[in-house]
Amino acid sequence: MVTKKDNISNGGKFLLTSSGLTNKSIAKALLELVGKKAKETTIAFIPTAANPIQDDKTWLINDLYNLKKQNFKSIDIVDISALPKKNWLPRLEAANVLFFSGGNVFHLMYWLKKSGLVKILPKLLKTKVYVGISAGSMVTTKDLSFSSAKRLYYEDLKGKPDEKGLGFFNFYFRPHLNSPHFPKVRKKFLLEMKKGLKDLIYALDDQSALKIKNGKIEVITKGKYLKI
């Protein structure tokens, strides 16, 4: 199902998901943004957000498996925290899609800045599609206050948490609506968080995504979402 379109000021092509390409509608939305068939599409998967999380990584494997099932031309894995810029930049430049994994949004934002990608990303996105999973989606907004991830501290931040996001959008994005793994991501809790905020909140379950092209937003869903 595709909902009514909303308009925003940001250009570019984005697919903000809760859990990646979990169904055919979301996968189709990605190919529509790319403008190519899957067999002609190259993916750069950035797993950086997953690095600090110590748990069973089945969820990350499932995200990659959902990518593999689409039969893309190629899927490169590019960790911007583990490689020098001279290595990761040409690989991102060669991809049609920059696919940012889920995990810890504060860790991802830290490395986007530390690696220098934060300054390069707007130029890259003039010709590429940005796809986010959970943390990879949340980081595109103006701040990270809706994240339930542990706030990490780094010496070069002098112990101060940084909650600024990439600032591509003014709305808030909250993944995993009604998920048993995130018991506080429910309508009642989100309405409490909404108090005093003027900007929209999009809360999406794991079968939903926001497709954004040249300032127009569509909710792609086979599940549930909230717009509050």
C-alpha atoms as a PDB file:
ATOM      1  CA  MET A   1       0.000   0.000   0.000  1.00  0.00           C
ATOM      2  CA  VAL A   2       1.191   3.520  -0.786  1.00  0.00           C
ATOM      3  CA  THR A   3      -0.179   6.427   1.191  1.00  0.00           C
ATOM      4  CA  LYS A   4      -0.872   9.990   0.148  1.00  0.00           C
ATOM      5  CA  LYS A   5       2.277  11.968  -0.625  1.00  0.00           C
ATOM      6  CA  ASP A   6       3.673  14.662   1.638  1.00  0.00           C
ATOM      7  CA  ASN A   7       6.070  17.368   0.527  1.00  0.00           C
ATOM      8  CA  ILE A   8       9.377  18.397   2.079  1.00  0.00           C
ATOM      9  CA  SER A   9      12.083  20.765   0.908  1.00  0.00           C
ATOM     10  CA  ASN A  10      14.950  18.283   0.620  1.00  0.00           C
ATOM     11  CA  GLY A  11      15.904  16.928  -2.803  1.00  0.00           C
ATOM     12  CA  GLY A  12      17.524  13.595  -3.533  1.00  0.00           C
ATOM     13  CA  LYS A  13      16.341  10.009  -3.325  1.00  0.00           C
ATOM     14  CA  PHE A  14      15.936   8.192  -0.014  1.00  0.00           C
ATOM     15  CA  LEU A  15      14.396   4.975   1.249  1.00  0.00           C
ATOM     16  CA  LEU A  16      14.127   5.039   5.029  1.00  0.00           C
ATOM     17  CA  THR A  17      13.236   1.641   6.415  1.00  0.00           C
ATOM     18  CA  SER A  18      12.773   0.051   9.786  1.00  0.00           C
ATOM     19  CA  SER A  19      14.260  -3.326   8.832  1.00  0.00           C
ATOM     20  CA  GLY A  20      15.441  -3.129   5.239  1.00  0.00           C
ATOM     21  CA  LEU A  21      13.956  -4.895   2.230  1.00  0.00           C
ATOM     22  CA  THR A  22      11.502  -7.026   4.190  1.00  0.00           C
ATOM     23  CA  ASN A  23       8.865  -7.295   1.459  1.00  0.00           C
ATOM     24  CA  LYS A  24       8.373  -6.928  -2.289  1.00  0.00           C
ATOM     25  CA  SER A  25       6.787  -3.475  -2.022  1.00  0.00           C
ATOM     26  CA  ILE A  26       9.837  -2.004  -0.311  1.00  0.00           C
ATOM     27  CA  ALA A  27      12.207  -3.722  -2.743  1.00  0.00           C
ATOM     28  CA  LYS A  28      10.158  -2.382  -5.663  1.00  0.00           C
ATOM     29  CA  ALA A  29      10.283   1.132  -4.201  1.00  0.00           C
ATOM     30  CA  LEU A  30      14.081   0.946  -4.127  1.00  0.00           C
ATOM     31  CA  LEU A  31      14.332  -0.057  -7.781  1.00  0.00           C
ATOM     32  CA  GLU A  32      11.938   2.745  -8.729  1.00  0.00           C
ATOM     33  CA  LEU A  33      14.271   5.207  -7.028  1.00  0.00           C
ATOM     34  CA  VAL A  34      17.360   3.739  -8.692  1.00  0.00           C
ATOM     35  CA  GLY A  35      15.728   3.624 -12.122  1.00  0.00           C
ATOM     36  CA  LYS A  36      17.458   0.361 -13.026  1.00  0.00           C
ATOM     37  CA  LYS A  37      16.773  -3.346 -12.842  1.00  0.00           C
ATOM     38  CA  ALA A  38      18.223  -5.217  -9.867  1.00  0.00           C
ATOM     39  CA  LYS A  39      20.743  -7.040 -12.058  1.00  0.00           C
ATOM     40  CA  GLU A  40      22.113  -3.640 -13.142  1.00  0.00           C
ATOM     41  CA  THR A  41      22.230  -2.134  -9.650  1.00  0.00           C
ATOM     42  CA  THR A  42      25.296  -1.980  -7.397  1.00  0.00           C
ATOM     43  CA  ILE A  43      25.057  -1.702  -3.616  1.00  0.00           C
ATOM     44  CA  ALA A  44      27.544  -0.384  -1.063  1.00  0.00           C
ATOM     45  CA  PHE A  45      26.466  -1.703   2.347  1.00  0.00           C
ATOM     46  CA  ILE A  46      27.849   0.316   5.271  1.00  0.00           C
ATOM     47  CA  PRO A  47      27.657  -1.817   8.466  1.00  0.00           C
ATOM     48  CA  THR A  48      29.339   0.735  10.752  1.00  0.00           C
ATOM     49  CA  ALA A  49      26.337   1.308  13.034  1.00  0.00           C
ATOM     50  CA  ALA A  50      26.309  -2.397  13.996  1.00  0.00           C
ATOM     51  CA  ASN A  51      29.908  -2.487  15.233  1.00  0.00           C
ATOM     52  CA  PRO A  52      29.508  -1.476  18.919  1.00  0.00           C
ATOM     53  CA  ILE A  53      26.538  -3.753  19.603  1.00  0.00           C
ATOM     54  CA  GLN A  54      27.450  -6.931  21.444  1.00  0.00           C
ATOM     55  CA  ASP A  55      24.659  -9.373  20.703  1.00  0.00           C
ATOM     56  CA  ASP A  56      23.521 -12.060  18.305  1.00  0.00           C
ATOM     57  CA  LYS A  57      23.978 -10.555  14.857  1.00  0.00           C
ATOM     58  CA  THR A  58      21.281 -12.678  13.198  1.00  0.00           C
ATOM     59  CA  TRP A  59      19.362  -9.475  12.455  1.00  0.00           C
ATOM     60  CA  LEU A  60      22.311  -8.095  10.478  1.00  0.00           C
ATOM     61  CA  ILE A  61      22.684 -11.354   8.561  1.00  0.00           C
ATOM     62  CA  ASN A  62      18.972 -11.287   7.759  1.00  0.00           C
ATOM     63  CA  ASP A  63      19.276  -7.724   6.445  1.00  0.00           C
ATOM     64  CA  LEU A  64      22.084  -8.809   4.134  1.00  0.00           C
ATOM     65  CA  TYR A  65      20.166 -11.923   3.090  1.00  0.00           C
ATOM     66  CA  ASN A  66      17.175  -9.776   2.127  1.00  0.00           C
ATOM     67  CA  LEU A  67      19.556  -7.808  -0.093  1.00  0.00           C
ATOM     68  CA  LYS A  68      21.011 -10.970  -1.607  1.00  0.00           C
ATOM     69  CA  LYS A  69      17.537 -12.235  -2.536  1.00  0.00           C
ATOM     70  CA  GLN A  70      17.043  -9.261  -4.872  1.00  0.00           C
ATOM     71  CA  ASN A  71      19.826 -10.490  -7.195  1.00  0.00           C
ATOM     72  CA  PHE A  72      21.628  -7.169  -7.408  1.00  0.00           C
ATOM     73  CA  LYS A  73      24.617  -6.901  -9.718  1.00  0.00           C
ATOM     74  CA  SER A  74      26.942  -6.598  -6.724  1.00  0.00           C
ATOM     75  CA  ILE A  75      26.908  -5.969  -2.969  1.00  0.00           C
ATOM     76  CA  ASP A  76      30.071  -4.477  -1.501  1.00  0.00           C
ATOM     77  CA  ILE A  77      30.516  -4.143   2.274  1.00  0.00           C
ATOM     78  CA  VAL A  78      32.288  -0.905   3.166  1.00  0.00           C
ATOM     79  CA  ASP A  79      32.980  -0.068   6.815  1.00  0.00           C
ATOM     80  CA  ILE A  80      33.914   3.614   7.046  1.00  0.00           C
ATOM     81  CA  SER A  81      35.305   3.110  10.570  1.00  0.00           C
ATOM     82  CA  ALA A  82      37.744   0.385   9.510  1.00  0.00           C
ATOM     83  CA  LEU A  83      39.152   1.778   6.267  1.00  0.00           C
ATOM     84  CA  PRO A  84      40.998   4.928   5.175  1.00  0.00           C
ATOM     85  CA  LYS A  85      39.154   7.383   2.965  1.00  0.00           C
ATOM     86  CA  LYS A  86      41.283   6.453  -0.044  1.00  0.00           C
ATOM     87  CA  ASN A  87      39.796   2.954   0.216  1.00  0.00           C
ATOM     88  CA  TRP A  88      36.132   3.587   1.062  1.00  0.00           C
ATOM     89  CA  LEU A  89      35.463   6.664  -1.084  1.00  0.00           C
ATOM     90  CA  PRO A  90      35.984   5.102  -4.552  1.00  0.00           C
ATOM     91  CA  ARG A  91      33.838   2.155  -3.503  1.00  0.00           C
ATOM     92  CA  LEU A  92      30.983   4.435  -2.477  1.00  0.00           C
ATOM     93  CA  GLU A  93      31.422   6.434  -5.667  1.00  0.00           C
ATOM     94  CA  ALA A  94      31.114   3.224  -7.711  1.00  0.00           C
ATOM     95  CA  ALA A  95      27.787   2.194  -6.144  1.00  0.00           C
ATOM     96  CA  ASN A  96      24.258   3.112  -7.226  1.00  0.00           C
ATOM     97  CA  VAL A  97      22.914   2.698  -3.682  1.00  0.00           C
ATOM     98  CA  LEU A  98      24.457   3.618  -0.329  1.00  0.00           C
ATOM     99  CA  PHE A  99      22.858   1.235   2.159  1.00  0.00           C
ATOM    100  CA  PHE A 100      23.380   2.115   5.834  1.00  0.00           C
ATOM    101  CA  SER A 101      22.755  -0.680   8.337  1.00  0.00           C
ATOM    102  CA  GLY A 102      20.981  -0.612  11.652  1.00  0.00           C
ATOM    103  CA  GLY A 103      22.724  -0.556  15.001  1.00  0.00           C
ATOM    104  CA  ASN A 104      23.818   2.326  17.202  1.00  0.00           C
ATOM    105  CA  VAL A 105      22.881   5.665  15.635  1.00  0.00           C
ATOM    106  CA  PHE A 106      25.313   7.649  17.806  1.00  0.00           C
ATOM    107  CA  HIS A 107      28.225   5.465  16.721  1.00  0.00           C
ATOM    108  CA  LEU A 108      27.206   5.850  13.079  1.00  0.00           C
ATOM    109  CA  MET A 109      26.959   9.626  13.366  1.00  0.00           C
ATOM    110  CA  TYR A 110      30.339   9.779  15.088  1.00  0.00           C
ATOM    111  CA  TRP A 111      32.008   7.906  12.226  1.00  0.00           C
ATOM    112  CA  LEU A 112      30.186   9.846   9.534  1.00  0.00           C
ATOM    113  CA  LYS A 113      31.869  12.919  10.984  1.00  0.00           C
ATOM    114  CA  LYS A 114      35.231  11.417  11.901  1.00  0.00           C
ATOM    115  CA  SER A 115      35.673   9.744   8.502  1.00  0.00           C
ATOM    116  CA  GLY A 116      34.736  12.907   6.630  1.00  0.00           C
ATOM    117  CA  LEU A 117      31.818  11.251   4.851  1.00  0.00           C
ATOM    118  CA  VAL A 118      29.390  13.752   6.367  1.00  0.00           C
ATOM    119  CA  LYS A 119      30.893  16.462   4.134  1.00  0.00           C
ATOM    120  CA  ILE A 120      30.989  14.294   1.013  1.00  0.00           C
ATOM    121  CA  LEU A 121      27.581  12.657   1.328  1.00  0.00           C
ATOM    122  CA  PRO A 122      25.428  15.504  -0.096  1.00  0.00           C
ATOM    123  CA  LYS A 123      27.478  15.465  -3.308  1.00  0.00           C
ATOM    124  CA  LEU A 124      27.308  11.671  -3.561  1.00  0.00           C
ATOM    125  CA  LEU A 125      23.541  11.757  -3.142  1.00  0.00           C
ATOM    126  CA  LYS A 126      23.117  13.881  -6.236  1.00  0.00           C
ATOM    127  CA  THR A 127      23.537  10.670  -8.243  1.00  0.00           C
ATOM    128  CA  LYS A 128      22.911   7.886  -5.705  1.00  0.00           C
ATOM    129  CA  VAL A 129      20.070   6.532  -3.585  1.00  0.00           C
ATOM    130  CA  TYR A 130      20.372   6.574   0.193  1.00  0.00           C
ATOM    131  CA  VAL A 131      18.824   3.605   1.999  1.00  0.00           C
ATOM    132  CA  GLY A 132      18.729   3.322   5.772  1.00  0.00           C
ATOM    133  CA  ILE A 133      17.816   0.523   8.124  1.00  0.00           C
ATOM    134  CA  SER A 134      16.748   1.670  11.598  1.00  0.00           C
ATOM    135  CA  ALA A 135      19.793   3.680  12.816  1.00  0.00           C
ATOM    136  CA  GLY A 136      20.758   4.260   9.196  1.00  0.00           C
ATOM    137  CA  SER A 137      17.370   5.907   8.701  1.00  0.00           C
ATOM    138  CA  MET A 138      17.266   7.837  11.966  1.00  0.00           C
ATOM    139  CA  VAL A 139      20.615   9.505  11.292  1.00  0.00           C
ATOM    140  CA  THR A 140      19.194  11.390   8.282  1.00  0.00           C
ATOM    141  CA  THR A 141      17.034  13.620  10.495  1.00  0.00           C
ATOM    142  CA  LYS A 142      18.071  16.785  12.327  1.00  0.00           C
ATOM    143  CA  ASP A 143      18.685  15.134  15.685  1.00  0.00           C
ATOM    144  CA  LEU A 144      18.865  11.699  17.261  1.00  0.00           C
ATOM    145  CA  SER A 145      16.737  12.259  20.349  1.00  0.00           C
ATOM    146  CA  PHE A 146      14.213   9.583  19.353  1.00  0.00           C
ATOM    147  CA  SER A 147      16.832   6.855  19.425  1.00  0.00           C
ATOM    148  CA  SER A 148      16.708   4.261  22.192  1.00  0.00           C
ATOM    149  CA  ALA A 149      20.352   3.321  21.573  1.00  0.00           C
ATOM    150  CA  LYS A 150      22.966   3.766  24.261  1.00  0.00           C
ATOM    151  CA  ARG A 151      24.675   7.127  23.951  1.00  0.00           C
ATOM    152  CA  LEU A 152      28.339   6.454  23.383  1.00  0.00           C
ATOM    153  CA  TYR A 153      31.140   8.720  24.538  1.00  0.00           C
ATOM    154  CA  TYR A 154      34.459   9.310  22.815  1.00  0.00           C
ATOM    155  CA  GLU A 155      37.608  11.055  23.989  1.00  0.00           C
ATOM    156  CA  ASP A 156      37.616  13.529  21.121  1.00  0.00           C
ATOM    157  CA  LEU A 157      34.085  14.600  22.055  1.00  0.00           C
ATOM    158  CA  LYS A 158      35.342  15.321  25.589  1.00  0.00           C
ATOM    159  CA  GLY A 159      32.602  13.215  27.136  1.00  0.00           C
ATOM    160  CA  LYS A 160      29.741  15.175  25.603  1.00  0.00           C
ATOM    161  CA  PRO A 161      27.078  13.242  23.667  1.00  0.00           C
ATOM    162  CA  ASP A 162      26.299  14.611  20.211  1.00  0.00           C
ATOM    163  CA  GLU A 163      22.653  14.301  19.229  1.00  0.00           C
ATOM    164  CA  LYS A 164      22.819  16.169  15.929  1.00  0.00           C
ATOM    165  CA  GLY A 165      21.900  14.152  12.849  1.00  0.00           C
ATOM    166  CA  LEU A 166      22.669  14.720   9.183  1.00  0.00           C
ATOM    167  CA  GLY A 167      19.814  17.224   8.967  1.00  0.00           C
ATOM    168  CA  PHE A 168      18.411  16.107   5.613  1.00  0.00           C
ATOM    169  CA  PHE A 169      14.884  16.156   7.084  1.00  0.00           C
ATOM    170  CA  ASN A 170      13.025  18.047   9.778  1.00  0.00           C
ATOM    171  CA  PHE A 171      10.758  15.180  10.774  1.00  0.00           C
ATOM    172  CA  TYR A 172      11.620  12.488  13.316  1.00  0.00           C
ATOM    173  CA  PHE A 173      11.946   8.858  12.245  1.00  0.00           C
ATOM    174  CA  ARG A 174      11.232   6.087  14.741  1.00  0.00           C
ATOM    175  CA  PRO A 175      11.656   2.469  13.546  1.00  0.00           C
ATOM    176  CA  HIS A 176      10.335  -0.803  14.961  1.00  0.00           C
ATOM    177  CA  LEU A 177       6.798   0.331  15.781  1.00  0.00           C
ATOM    178  CA  ASN A 178       4.989  -2.325  17.863  1.00  0.00           C
ATOM    179  CA  SER A 179       8.036  -4.610  17.814  1.00  0.00           C
ATOM    180  CA  PRO A 180       8.307  -7.020  20.776  1.00  0.00           C
ATOM    181  CA  HIS A 181      12.001  -6.155  20.915  1.00  0.00           C
ATOM    182  CA  PHE A 182      11.210  -2.460  21.483  1.00  0.00           C
ATOM    183  CA  PRO A 183       8.332  -2.398  24.008  1.00  0.00           C
ATOM    184  CA  LYS A 184       8.318   1.401  24.354  1.00  0.00           C
ATOM    185  CA  VAL A 185       7.808   2.039  20.643  1.00  0.00           C
ATOM    186  CA  ARG A 186       4.062   2.239  20.955  1.00  0.00           C
ATOM    187  CA  LYS A 187       1.547   4.953  20.134  1.00  0.00           C
ATOM    188  CA  LYS A 188       1.042   5.970  23.767  1.00  0.00           C
ATOM    189  CA  PHE A 189       4.762   6.425  24.382  1.00  0.00           C
ATOM    190  CA  LEU A 190       5.299   8.304  21.108  1.00  0.00           C
ATOM    191  CA  LEU A 191       2.451  10.699  21.862  1.00  0.00           C
ATOM    192  CA  GLU A 192       4.143  11.534  25.156  1.00  0.00           C
ATOM    193  CA  MET A 193       7.401  12.245  23.333  1.00  0.00           C
ATOM    194  CA  LYS A 194       5.533  14.381  20.815  1.00  0.00           C
ATOM    195  CA  LYS A 195       4.484  16.892  23.459  1.00  0.00           C
ATOM    196  CA  GLY A 196       6.241  20.180  22.877  1.00  0.00           C
ATOM    197  CA  LEU A 197       7.515  19.181  19.433  1.00  0.00           C
ATOM    198  CA  LYS A 198       6.314  20.976  16.323  1.00  0.00           C
ATOM    199  CA  ASP A 199       7.841  18.576  13.821  1.00  0.00           C
ATOM    200  CA  LEU A 200       6.216  15.410  12.507  1.00  0.00           C
ATOM    201  CA  ILE A 201       7.042  11.946  13.778  1.00  0.00           C
ATOM    202  CA  TYR A 202       6.962   9.007  11.377  1.00  0.00           C
ATOM    203  CA  ALA A 203       6.925   5.727  13.303  1.00  0.00           C
ATOM    204  CA  LEU A 204       7.163   2.652  11.081  1.00  0.00           C
ATOM    205  CA  ASP A 205       6.984  -1.055  11.736  1.00  0.00           C
ATOM    206  CA  ASP A 206       9.323  -3.587  10.145  1.00  0.00           C
ATOM    207  CA  GLN A 207       7.143  -3.974   7.042  1.00  0.00           C
ATOM    208  CA  SER A 208       7.116  -0.266   6.209  1.00  0.00           C
ATOM    209  CA  ALA A 209       9.364   2.386   4.664  1.00  0.00           C
ATOM    210  CA  LEU A 210       9.436   6.026   3.607  1.00  0.00           C
ATOM    211  CA  LYS A 211      10.165   6.550  -0.074  1.00  0.00           C
ATOM    212  CA  ILE A 212      11.399  10.103  -0.613  1.00  0.00           C
ATOM    213  CA  LYS A 213      12.132  11.596  -4.016  1.00  0.00           C
ATOM    214  CA  ASN A 214      12.734  15.274  -4.702  1.00  0.00           C
ATOM    215  CA  GLY A 215      10.873  16.373  -1.604  1.00  0.00           C
ATOM    216  CA  LYS A 216       7.857  14.048  -1.904  1.00  0.00           C
ATOM    217  CA  ILE A 217       7.252  11.414   0.759  1.00  0.00           C
ATOM    218  CA  GLU A 218       5.337   8.171   0.276  1.00  0.00           C
ATOM    219  CA  VAL A 219       4.751   5.610   3.001  1.00  0.00           C
ATOM    220  CA  ILE A 220       5.241   2.130   1.564  1.00  0.00           C
ATOM    221  CA  THR A 221       3.653  -0.363   3.928  1.00  0.00           C
ATOM    222  CA  LYS A 222       2.295  -3.838   4.329  1.00  0.00           C
ATOM    223  CA  GLY A 223       2.100  -3.323   8.050  1.00  0.00           C
ATOM    224  CA  LYS A 224       1.463  -0.405  10.402  1.00  0.00           C
ATOM    225  CA  TYR A 225       2.777   3.127  10.708  1.00  0.00           C
ATOM    226  CA  LEU A 226       2.008   6.321  12.599  1.00  0.00           C
ATOM    227  CA  LYS A 227       2.274   9.904  11.443  1.00  0.00           C
ATOM    228  CA  ILE A 228       1.846  12.195  14.432  1.00  0.00           C
END
